[in-house]
Amino acid sequence: MLLNPKVILLVLGVIIGGVVGYATRPEIAEIRIGKLNIEISGKGIGRQDDRITSEQWKHIAIFALIGGALGLGLGFAMERGRMKF
């Protein structure tokens, strides 16, 4: 059974984006993509007791969405034969 590369890369992108977002959850998150500017501010950086603020969850979710979009784009490129691994 062959697996669809779009789905595999989408899931990998979401997971990797989520991990990167979790590892980089700052007190104030500012993401700039072209003219799009997203700023998220919270009360603290990752705490010792592992509590994550809602602002930090938003930061993690944004990174997961970006990773998923990149993974899906790579999946479409692979399916059309423009990229090969």
PDB file of N, CA and C in Angstrom:
ATOM      1  N   MET A   1       0.833  -1.176   0.000  1.00  0.00           N
ATOM      2  CA  MET A   1       0.000   0.000   0.000  1.00  0.00           C
ATOM      3  C   MET A   1       0.881   1.243   0.000  1.00  0.00           C
ATOM      4  N   LEU A   2       0.693   2.120  -0.960  1.00  0.00           N
ATOM      5  CA  LEU A   2       1.446   3.360  -1.045  1.00  0.00           C
ATOM      6  C   LEU A   2       0.718   4.459  -0.284  1.00  0.00           C
ATOM      7  N   LEU A   3       1.487   5.247   0.423  1.00  0.00           N
ATOM      8  CA  LEU A   3       0.893   6.355   1.164  1.00  0.00           C
ATOM      9  C   LEU A   3       1.003   7.638   0.347  1.00  0.00           C
ATOM     10  N   ASN A   4       0.047   8.492   0.506  1.00  0.00           N
ATOM     11  CA  ASN A   4       0.004   9.753  -0.208  1.00  0.00           C
ATOM     12  C   ASN A   4       1.074  10.696   0.362  1.00  0.00           C
ATOM     13  N   PRO A   5       1.998  11.204  -0.458  1.00  0.00           N
ATOM     14  CA  PRO A   5       3.060  12.080   0.071  1.00  0.00           C
ATOM     15  C   PRO A   5       2.517  13.404   0.600  1.00  0.00           C
ATOM     16  N   LYS A   6       1.381  13.885   0.078  1.00  0.00           N
ATOM     17  CA  LYS A   6       0.797  15.127   0.589  1.00  0.00           C
ATOM     18  C   LYS A   6       0.383  14.972   2.048  1.00  0.00           C
ATOM     19  N   VAL A   7      -0.259  13.852   2.354  1.00  0.00           N
ATOM     20  CA  VAL A   7      -0.737  13.626   3.713  1.00  0.00           C
ATOM     21  C   VAL A   7       0.443  13.428   4.666  1.00  0.00           C
ATOM     22  N   ILE A   8       1.423  12.655   4.237  1.00  0.00           N
ATOM     23  CA  ILE A   8       2.586  12.393   5.083  1.00  0.00           C
ATOM     24  C   ILE A   8       3.329  13.689   5.380  1.00  0.00           C
ATOM     25  N   LEU A   9       3.578  14.494   4.356  1.00  0.00           N
ATOM     26  CA  LEU A   9       4.311  15.735   4.562  1.00  0.00           C
ATOM     27  C   LEU A   9       3.477  16.771   5.314  1.00  0.00           C
ATOM     28  N   LEU A  10       2.169  16.752   5.146  1.00  0.00           N
ATOM     29  CA  LEU A  10       1.303  17.635   5.917  1.00  0.00           C
ATOM     30  C   LEU A  10       1.402  17.316   7.404  1.00  0.00           C
ATOM     31  N   VAL A  11       1.290  16.040   7.745  1.00  0.00           N
ATOM     32  CA  VAL A  11       1.370  15.627   9.146  1.00  0.00           C
ATOM     33  C   VAL A  11       2.756  15.922   9.718  1.00  0.00           C
ATOM     34  N   LEU A  12       3.800  15.606   8.960  1.00  0.00           N
ATOM     35  CA  LEU A  12       5.155  15.913   9.424  1.00  0.00           C
ATOM     36  C   LEU A  12       5.359  17.414   9.606  1.00  0.00           C
ATOM     37  N   GLY A  13       4.833  18.213   8.698  1.00  0.00           N
ATOM     38  CA  GLY A  13       4.952  19.667   8.814  1.00  0.00           C
ATOM     39  C   GLY A  13       4.253  20.205  10.049  1.00  0.00           C
ATOM     40  N   VAL A  14       3.060  19.687  10.344  1.00  0.00           N
ATOM     41  CA  VAL A  14       2.329  20.129  11.530  1.00  0.00           C
ATOM     42  C   VAL A  14       3.084  19.738  12.800  1.00  0.00           C
ATOM     43  N   ILE A  15       3.602  18.512  12.829  1.00  0.00           N
ATOM     44  CA  ILE A  15       4.336  18.053  14.012  1.00  0.00           C
ATOM     45  C   ILE A  15       5.619  18.859  14.197  1.00  0.00           C
ATOM     46  N   ILE A  16       6.384  19.012  13.140  1.00  0.00           N
ATOM     47  CA  ILE A  16       7.645  19.759  13.240  1.00  0.00           C
ATOM     48  C   ILE A  16       7.362  21.227  13.571  1.00  0.00           C
ATOM     49  N   GLY A  17       6.361  21.819  12.944  1.00  0.00           N
ATOM     50  CA  GLY A  17       5.998  23.199  13.257  1.00  0.00           C
ATOM     51  C   GLY A  17       5.561  23.359  14.704  1.00  0.00           C
ATOM     52  N   GLY A  18       4.804  22.411  15.215  1.00  0.00           N
ATOM     53  CA  GLY A  18       4.384  22.448  16.617  1.00  0.00           C
ATOM     54  C   GLY A  18       5.554  22.338  17.579  1.00  0.00           C
ATOM     55  N   VAL A  19       6.499  21.464  17.261  1.00  0.00           N
ATOM     56  CA  VAL A  19       7.684  21.303  18.119  1.00  0.00           C
ATOM     57  C   VAL A  19       8.528  22.580  18.093  1.00  0.00           C
ATOM     58  N   VAL A  20       8.710  23.148  16.908  1.00  0.00           N
ATOM     59  CA  VAL A  20       9.479  24.396  16.802  1.00  0.00           C
ATOM     60  C   VAL A  20       8.754  25.518  17.544  1.00  0.00           C
ATOM     61  N   GLY A  21       7.442  25.599  17.401  1.00  0.00           N
ATOM     62  CA  GLY A  21       6.670  26.608  18.114  1.00  0.00           C
ATOM     63  C   GLY A  21       6.762  26.447  19.616  1.00  0.00           C
ATOM     64  N   TYR A  22       6.730  25.196  20.090  1.00  0.00           N
ATOM     65  CA  TYR A  22       6.846  24.932  21.523  1.00  0.00           C
ATOM     66  C   TYR A  22       8.236  25.303  22.036  1.00  0.00           C
ATOM     67  N   ALA A  23       9.253  24.972  21.249  1.00  0.00           N
ATOM     68  CA  ALA A  23      10.628  25.242  21.679  1.00  0.00           C
ATOM     69  C   ALA A  23      10.955  26.731  21.654  1.00  0.00           C
ATOM     70  N   THR A  24      10.241  27.506  20.856  1.00  0.00           N
ATOM     71  CA  THR A  24      10.562  28.923  20.710  1.00  0.00           C
ATOM     72  C   THR A  24       9.482  29.828  21.283  1.00  0.00           C
ATOM     73  N   ARG A  25       8.659  29.324  22.173  1.00  0.00           N
ATOM     74  CA  ARG A  25       7.559  30.141  22.693  1.00  0.00           C
ATOM     75  C   ARG A  25       8.103  31.273  23.566  1.00  0.00           C
ATOM     76  N   PRO A  26       8.160  32.470  23.025  1.00  0.00           N
ATOM     77  CA  PRO A  26       8.706  33.601  23.768  1.00  0.00           C
ATOM     78  C   PRO A  26       7.626  34.330  24.558  1.00  0.00           C
ATOM     79  N   GLU A  27       8.071  35.321  25.293  1.00  0.00           N
ATOM     80  CA  GLU A  27       7.118  36.146  26.017  1.00  0.00           C
ATOM     81  C   GLU A  27       6.282  36.950  25.023  1.00  0.00           C
ATOM     82  N   ILE A  28       6.932  37.521  24.035  1.00  0.00           N
ATOM     83  CA  ILE A  28       6.225  38.235  22.979  1.00  0.00           C
ATOM     84  C   ILE A  28       6.609  37.596  21.655  1.00  0.00           C
ATOM     85  N   ALA A  29       5.628  37.135  20.924  1.00  0.00           N
ATOM     86  CA  ALA A  29       5.879  36.512  19.633  1.00  0.00           C
ATOM     87  C   ALA A  29       5.492  37.480  18.535  1.00  0.00           C
ATOM     88  N   GLU A  30       6.405  37.709  17.626  1.00  0.00           N
ATOM     89  CA  GLU A  30       6.118  38.566  16.483  1.00  0.00           C
ATOM     90  C   GLU A  30       6.538  37.828  15.226  1.00  0.00           C
ATOM     91  N   ILE A  31       5.584  37.579  14.363  1.00  0.00           N
ATOM     92  CA  ILE A  31       5.838  36.836  13.138  1.00  0.00           C
ATOM     93  C   ILE A  31       5.542  37.757  11.968  1.00  0.00           C
ATOM     94  N   ARG A  32       6.520  37.927  11.099  1.00  0.00           N
ATOM     95  CA  ARG A  32       6.345  38.783   9.923  1.00  0.00           C
ATOM     96  C   ARG A  32       6.553  37.952   8.673  1.00  0.00           C
ATOM     97  N   ILE A  33       5.525  37.914   7.840  1.00  0.00           N
ATOM     98  CA  ILE A  33       5.600  37.231   6.551  1.00  0.00           C
ATOM     99  C   ILE A  33       5.120  38.236   5.509  1.00  0.00           C
ATOM    100  N   GLY A  34       6.063  38.829   4.804  1.00  0.00           N
ATOM    101  CA  GLY A  34       5.706  39.854   3.832  1.00  0.00           C
ATOM    102  C   GLY A  34       5.054  41.041   4.525  1.00  0.00           C
ATOM    103  N   LYS A  35       3.850  41.377   4.107  1.00  0.00           N
ATOM    104  CA  LYS A  35       3.125  42.490   4.721  1.00  0.00           C
ATOM    105  C   LYS A  35       2.300  42.056   5.923  1.00  0.00           C
ATOM    106  N   LEU A  36       2.208  40.756   6.159  1.00  0.00           N
ATOM    107  CA  LEU A  36       1.455  40.223   7.282  1.00  0.00           C
ATOM    108  C   LEU A  36       2.288  40.308   8.549  1.00  0.00           C
ATOM    109  N   ASN A  37       1.765  40.939   9.585  1.00  0.00           N
ATOM    110  CA  ASN A  37       2.474  41.101  10.843  1.00  0.00           C
ATOM    111  C   ASN A  37       1.577  40.609  11.967  1.00  0.00           C
ATOM    112  N   ILE A  38       1.993  39.536  12.657  1.00  0.00           N
ATOM    113  CA  ILE A  38       1.219  38.966  13.745  1.00  0.00           C
ATOM    114  C   ILE A  38       2.034  39.119  15.018  1.00  0.00           C
ATOM    115  N   GLU A  39       1.450  39.748  16.041  1.00  0.00           N
ATOM    116  CA  GLU A  39       2.148  39.922  17.308  1.00  0.00           C
ATOM    117  C   GLU A  39       1.305  39.329  18.423  1.00  0.00           C
ATOM    118  N   ILE A  40       1.922  38.472  19.209  1.00  0.00           N
ATOM    119  CA  ILE A  40       1.244  37.824  20.327  1.00  0.00           C
ATOM    120  C   ILE A  40       2.079  38.089  21.566  1.00  0.00           C
ATOM    121  N   SER A  41       1.462  38.611  22.616  1.00  0.00           N
ATOM    122  CA  SER A  41       2.231  38.891  23.831  1.00  0.00           C
ATOM    123  C   SER A  41       1.622  38.137  24.996  1.00  0.00           C
ATOM    124  N   GLY A  42       2.485  37.687  25.887  1.00  0.00           N
ATOM    125  CA  GLY A  42       2.062  36.953  27.058  1.00  0.00           C
ATOM    126  C   GLY A  42       2.786  37.455  28.292  1.00  0.00           C
ATOM    127  N   LYS A  43       2.501  36.851  29.428  1.00  0.00           N
ATOM    128  CA  LYS A  43       3.099  37.300  30.682  1.00  0.00           C
ATOM    129  C   LYS A  43       4.445  36.655  30.953  1.00  0.00           C
ATOM    130  N   GLY A  44       4.739  35.541  30.331  1.00  0.00           N
ATOM    131  CA  GLY A  44       6.004  34.896  30.640  1.00  0.00           C
ATOM    132  C   GLY A  44       6.432  33.887  29.609  1.00  0.00           C
ATOM    133  N   ILE A  45       7.700  33.554  29.683  1.00  0.00           N
ATOM    134  CA  ILE A  45       8.266  32.533  28.813  1.00  0.00           C
ATOM    135  C   ILE A  45       7.950  31.178  29.453  1.00  0.00           C
ATOM    136  N   GLY A  46       8.304  30.089  28.785  1.00  0.00           N
ATOM    137  CA  GLY A  46       8.032  28.761  29.313  1.00  0.00           C
ATOM    138  C   GLY A  46       8.442  28.641  30.769  1.00  0.00           C
ATOM    139  N   ARG A  47       7.534  28.180  31.584  1.00  0.00           N
ATOM    140  CA  ARG A  47       7.780  28.117  33.023  1.00  0.00           C
ATOM    141  C   ARG A  47       8.312  26.766  33.431  1.00  0.00           C
ATOM    142  N   GLN A  48       8.836  26.696  34.628  1.00  0.00           N
ATOM    143  CA  GLN A  48       9.384  25.444  35.150  1.00  0.00           C
ATOM    144  C   GLN A  48       8.296  24.405  35.387  1.00  0.00           C
ATOM    145  N   ASP A  49       7.098  24.842  35.743  1.00  0.00           N
ATOM    146  CA  ASP A  49       6.025  23.886  36.008  1.00  0.00           C
ATOM    147  C   ASP A  49       5.255  23.500  34.742  1.00  0.00           C
ATOM    148  N   ASP A  50       5.789  23.873  33.591  1.00  0.00           N
ATOM    149  CA  ASP A  50       5.265  23.482  32.285  1.00  0.00           C
ATOM    150  C   ASP A  50       3.866  23.998  31.984  1.00  0.00           C
ATOM    151  N   ARG A  51       3.433  25.073  32.647  1.00  0.00           N
ATOM    152  CA  ARG A  51       2.156  25.679  32.280  1.00  0.00           C
ATOM    153  C   ARG A  51       2.398  26.606  31.097  1.00  0.00           C
ATOM    154  N   ILE A  52       1.539  26.523  30.100  1.00  0.00           N
ATOM    155  CA  ILE A  52       1.667  27.331  28.894  1.00  0.00           C
ATOM    156  C   ILE A  52       0.488  28.293  28.855  1.00  0.00           C
ATOM    157  N   THR A  53       0.770  29.566  28.630  1.00  0.00           N
ATOM    158  CA  THR A  53      -0.297  30.565  28.552  1.00  0.00           C
ATOM    159  C   THR A  53      -1.041  30.421  27.230  1.00  0.00           C
ATOM    160  N   SER A  54      -2.227  31.026  27.164  1.00  0.00           N
ATOM    161  CA  SER A  54      -3.014  30.932  25.936  1.00  0.00           C
ATOM    162  C   SER A  54      -2.304  31.639  24.775  1.00  0.00           C
ATOM    163  N   GLU A  55      -1.561  32.698  25.079  1.00  0.00           N
ATOM    164  CA  GLU A  55      -0.809  33.381  24.035  1.00  0.00           C
ATOM    165  C   GLU A  55       0.283  32.482  23.468  1.00  0.00           C
ATOM    166  N   GLN A  56       0.906  31.708  24.331  1.00  0.00           N
ATOM    167  CA  GLN A  56       1.933  30.784  23.864  1.00  0.00           C
ATOM    168  C   GLN A  56       1.319  29.649  23.057  1.00  0.00           C
ATOM    169  N   TRP A  57       0.110  29.218  23.389  1.00  0.00           N
ATOM    170  CA  TRP A  57      -0.572  28.208  22.572  1.00  0.00           C
ATOM    171  C   TRP A  57      -0.851  28.759  21.178  1.00  0.00           C
ATOM    172  N   LYS A  58      -1.205  30.039  21.103  1.00  0.00           N
ATOM    173  CA  LYS A  58      -1.429  30.659  19.798  1.00  0.00           C
ATOM    174  C   LYS A  58      -0.138  30.666  18.981  1.00  0.00           C
ATOM    175  N   HIS A  59       0.972  30.949  19.644  1.00  0.00           N
ATOM    176  CA  HIS A  59       2.282  30.940  18.983  1.00  0.00           C
ATOM    177  C   HIS A  59       2.580  29.544  18.431  1.00  0.00           C
ATOM    178  N   ILE A  60       2.342  28.531  19.235  1.00  0.00           N
ATOM    179  CA  ILE A  60       2.584  27.145  18.814  1.00  0.00           C
ATOM    180  C   ILE A  60       1.668  26.786  17.639  1.00  0.00           C
ATOM    181  N   ALA A  61       0.401  27.195  17.715  1.00  0.00           N
ATOM    182  CA  ALA A  61      -0.556  26.884  16.643  1.00  0.00           C
ATOM    183  C   ALA A  61      -0.168  27.558  15.332  1.00  0.00           C
ATOM    184  N   ILE A  62       0.317  28.794  15.396  1.00  0.00           N
ATOM    185  CA  ILE A  62       0.729  29.490  14.180  1.00  0.00           C
ATOM    186  C   ILE A  62       1.891  28.759  13.522  1.00  0.00           C
ATOM    187  N   PHE A  63       2.871  28.338  14.326  1.00  0.00           N
ATOM    188  CA  PHE A  63       4.004  27.607  13.771  1.00  0.00           C
ATOM    189  C   PHE A  63       3.557  26.265  13.198  1.00  0.00           C
ATOM    190  N   ALA A  64       2.610  25.589  13.855  1.00  0.00           N
ATOM    191  CA  ALA A  64       2.107  24.316  13.336  1.00  0.00           C
ATOM    192  C   ALA A  64       1.381  24.515  12.009  1.00  0.00           C
ATOM    193  N   LEU A  65       0.603  25.592  11.892  1.00  0.00           N
ATOM    194  CA  LEU A  65      -0.090  25.871  10.631  1.00  0.00           C
ATOM    195  C   LEU A  65       0.890  26.191   9.510  1.00  0.00           C
ATOM    196  N   ILE A  66       1.917  26.976   9.822  1.00  0.00           N
ATOM    197  CA  ILE A  66       2.926  27.295   8.806  1.00  0.00           C
ATOM    198  C   ILE A  66       3.650  26.027   8.371  1.00  0.00           C
ATOM    199  N   GLY A  67       4.019  25.182   9.327  1.00  0.00           N
ATOM    200  CA  GLY A  67       4.681  23.915   8.994  1.00  0.00           C
ATOM    201  C   GLY A  67       3.790  23.016   8.155  1.00  0.00           C
ATOM    202  N   GLY A  68       2.498  22.968   8.495  1.00  0.00           N
ATOM    203  CA  GLY A  68       1.566  22.161   7.713  1.00  0.00           C
ATOM    204  C   GLY A  68       1.416  22.670   6.293  1.00  0.00           C
ATOM    205  N   ALA A  69       1.360  23.992   6.138  1.00  0.00           N
ATOM    206  CA  ALA A  69       1.248  24.572   4.795  1.00  0.00           C
ATOM    207  C   ALA A  69       2.495  24.273   3.969  1.00  0.00           C
ATOM    208  N   LEU A  70       3.659  24.390   4.584  1.00  0.00           N
ATOM    209  CA  LEU A  70       4.898  24.070   3.872  1.00  0.00           C
ATOM    210  C   LEU A  70       4.952  22.593   3.490  1.00  0.00           C
ATOM    211  N   GLY A  71       4.551  21.727   4.416  1.00  0.00           N
ATOM    212  CA  GLY A  71       4.536  20.295   4.128  1.00  0.00           C
ATOM    213  C   GLY A  71       3.569  19.944   3.012  1.00  0.00           C
ATOM    214  N   LEU A  72       2.397  20.564   3.027  1.00  0.00           N
ATOM    215  CA  LEU A  72       1.414  20.306   1.972  1.00  0.00           C
ATOM    216  C   LEU A  72       1.934  20.805   0.626  1.00  0.00           C
ATOM    217  N   GLY A  73       2.575  21.963   0.623  1.00  0.00           N
ATOM    218  CA  GLY A  73       3.164  22.484  -0.610  1.00  0.00           C
ATOM    219  C   GLY A  73       4.231  21.561  -1.163  1.00  0.00           C
ATOM    220  N   LEU A  74       5.073  21.024  -0.280  1.00  0.00           N
ATOM    221  CA  LEU A  74       6.089  20.061  -0.723  1.00  0.00           C
ATOM    222  C   LEU A  74       5.442  18.784  -1.252  1.00  0.00           C
ATOM    223  N   GLY A  75       4.341  18.377  -0.621  1.00  0.00           N
ATOM    224  CA  GLY A  75       3.620  17.194  -1.100  1.00  0.00           C
ATOM    225  C   GLY A  75       3.072  17.376  -2.494  1.00  0.00           C
ATOM    226  N   PHE A  76       2.491  18.546  -2.772  1.00  0.00           N
ATOM    227  CA  PHE A  76       1.993  18.819  -4.119  1.00  0.00           C
ATOM    228  C   PHE A  76       3.143  18.866  -5.126  1.00  0.00           C
ATOM    229  N   ALA A  77       4.273  19.469  -4.731  1.00  0.00           N
ATOM    230  CA  ALA A  77       5.428  19.537  -5.633  1.00  0.00           C
ATOM    231  C   ALA A  77       5.958  18.141  -5.941  1.00  0.00           C
ATOM    232  N   MET A  78       5.988  17.274  -4.928  1.00  0.00           N
ATOM    233  CA  MET A  78       6.457  15.898  -5.159  1.00  0.00           C
ATOM    234  C   MET A  78       5.493  15.135  -6.052  1.00  0.00           C
ATOM    235  N   GLU A  79       4.200  15.344  -5.852  1.00  0.00           N
ATOM    236  CA  GLU A  79       3.214  14.609  -6.641  1.00  0.00           C
ATOM    237  C   GLU A  79       3.266  15.000  -8.110  1.00  0.00           C
ATOM    238  N   ARG A  80       3.555  16.239  -8.394  1.00  0.00           N
ATOM    239  CA  ARG A  80       3.615  16.703  -9.775  1.00  0.00           C
ATOM    240  C   ARG A  80       4.954  16.387 -10.421  1.00  0.00           C
ATOM    241  N   GLY A  81       5.874  15.842  -9.683  1.00  0.00           N
ATOM    242  CA  GLY A  81       7.144  15.440 -10.249  1.00  0.00           C
ATOM    243  C   GLY A  81       8.193  16.536 -10.273  1.00  0.00           C
ATOM    244  N   ARG A  82       7.920  17.659  -9.642  1.00  0.00           N
ATOM    245  CA  ARG A  82       8.885  18.748  -9.622  1.00  0.00           C
ATOM    246  C   ARG A  82       9.991  18.517  -8.611  1.00  0.00           C
ATOM    247  N   MET A  83       9.713  17.695  -7.610  1.00  0.00           N
ATOM    248  CA  MET A  83      10.713  17.364  -6.594  1.00  0.00           C
ATOM    249  C   MET A  83      10.737  15.853  -6.435  1.00  0.00           C
ATOM    250  N   LYS A  84      11.907  15.313  -6.256  1.00  0.00           N
ATOM    251  CA  LYS A  84      12.050  13.879  -6.031  1.00  0.00           C
ATOM    252  C   LYS A  84      13.040  13.657  -4.912  1.00  0.00           C
ATOM    253  N   PHE A  85      12.698  12.671  -4.073  1.00  0.00           N
ATOM    254  CA  PHE A  85      13.601  12.308  -2.973  1.00  0.00           C
ATOM    255  C   PHE A  85      14.082  10.905  -3.162  1.00  0.00           C
TER     256      PHE A  85
END
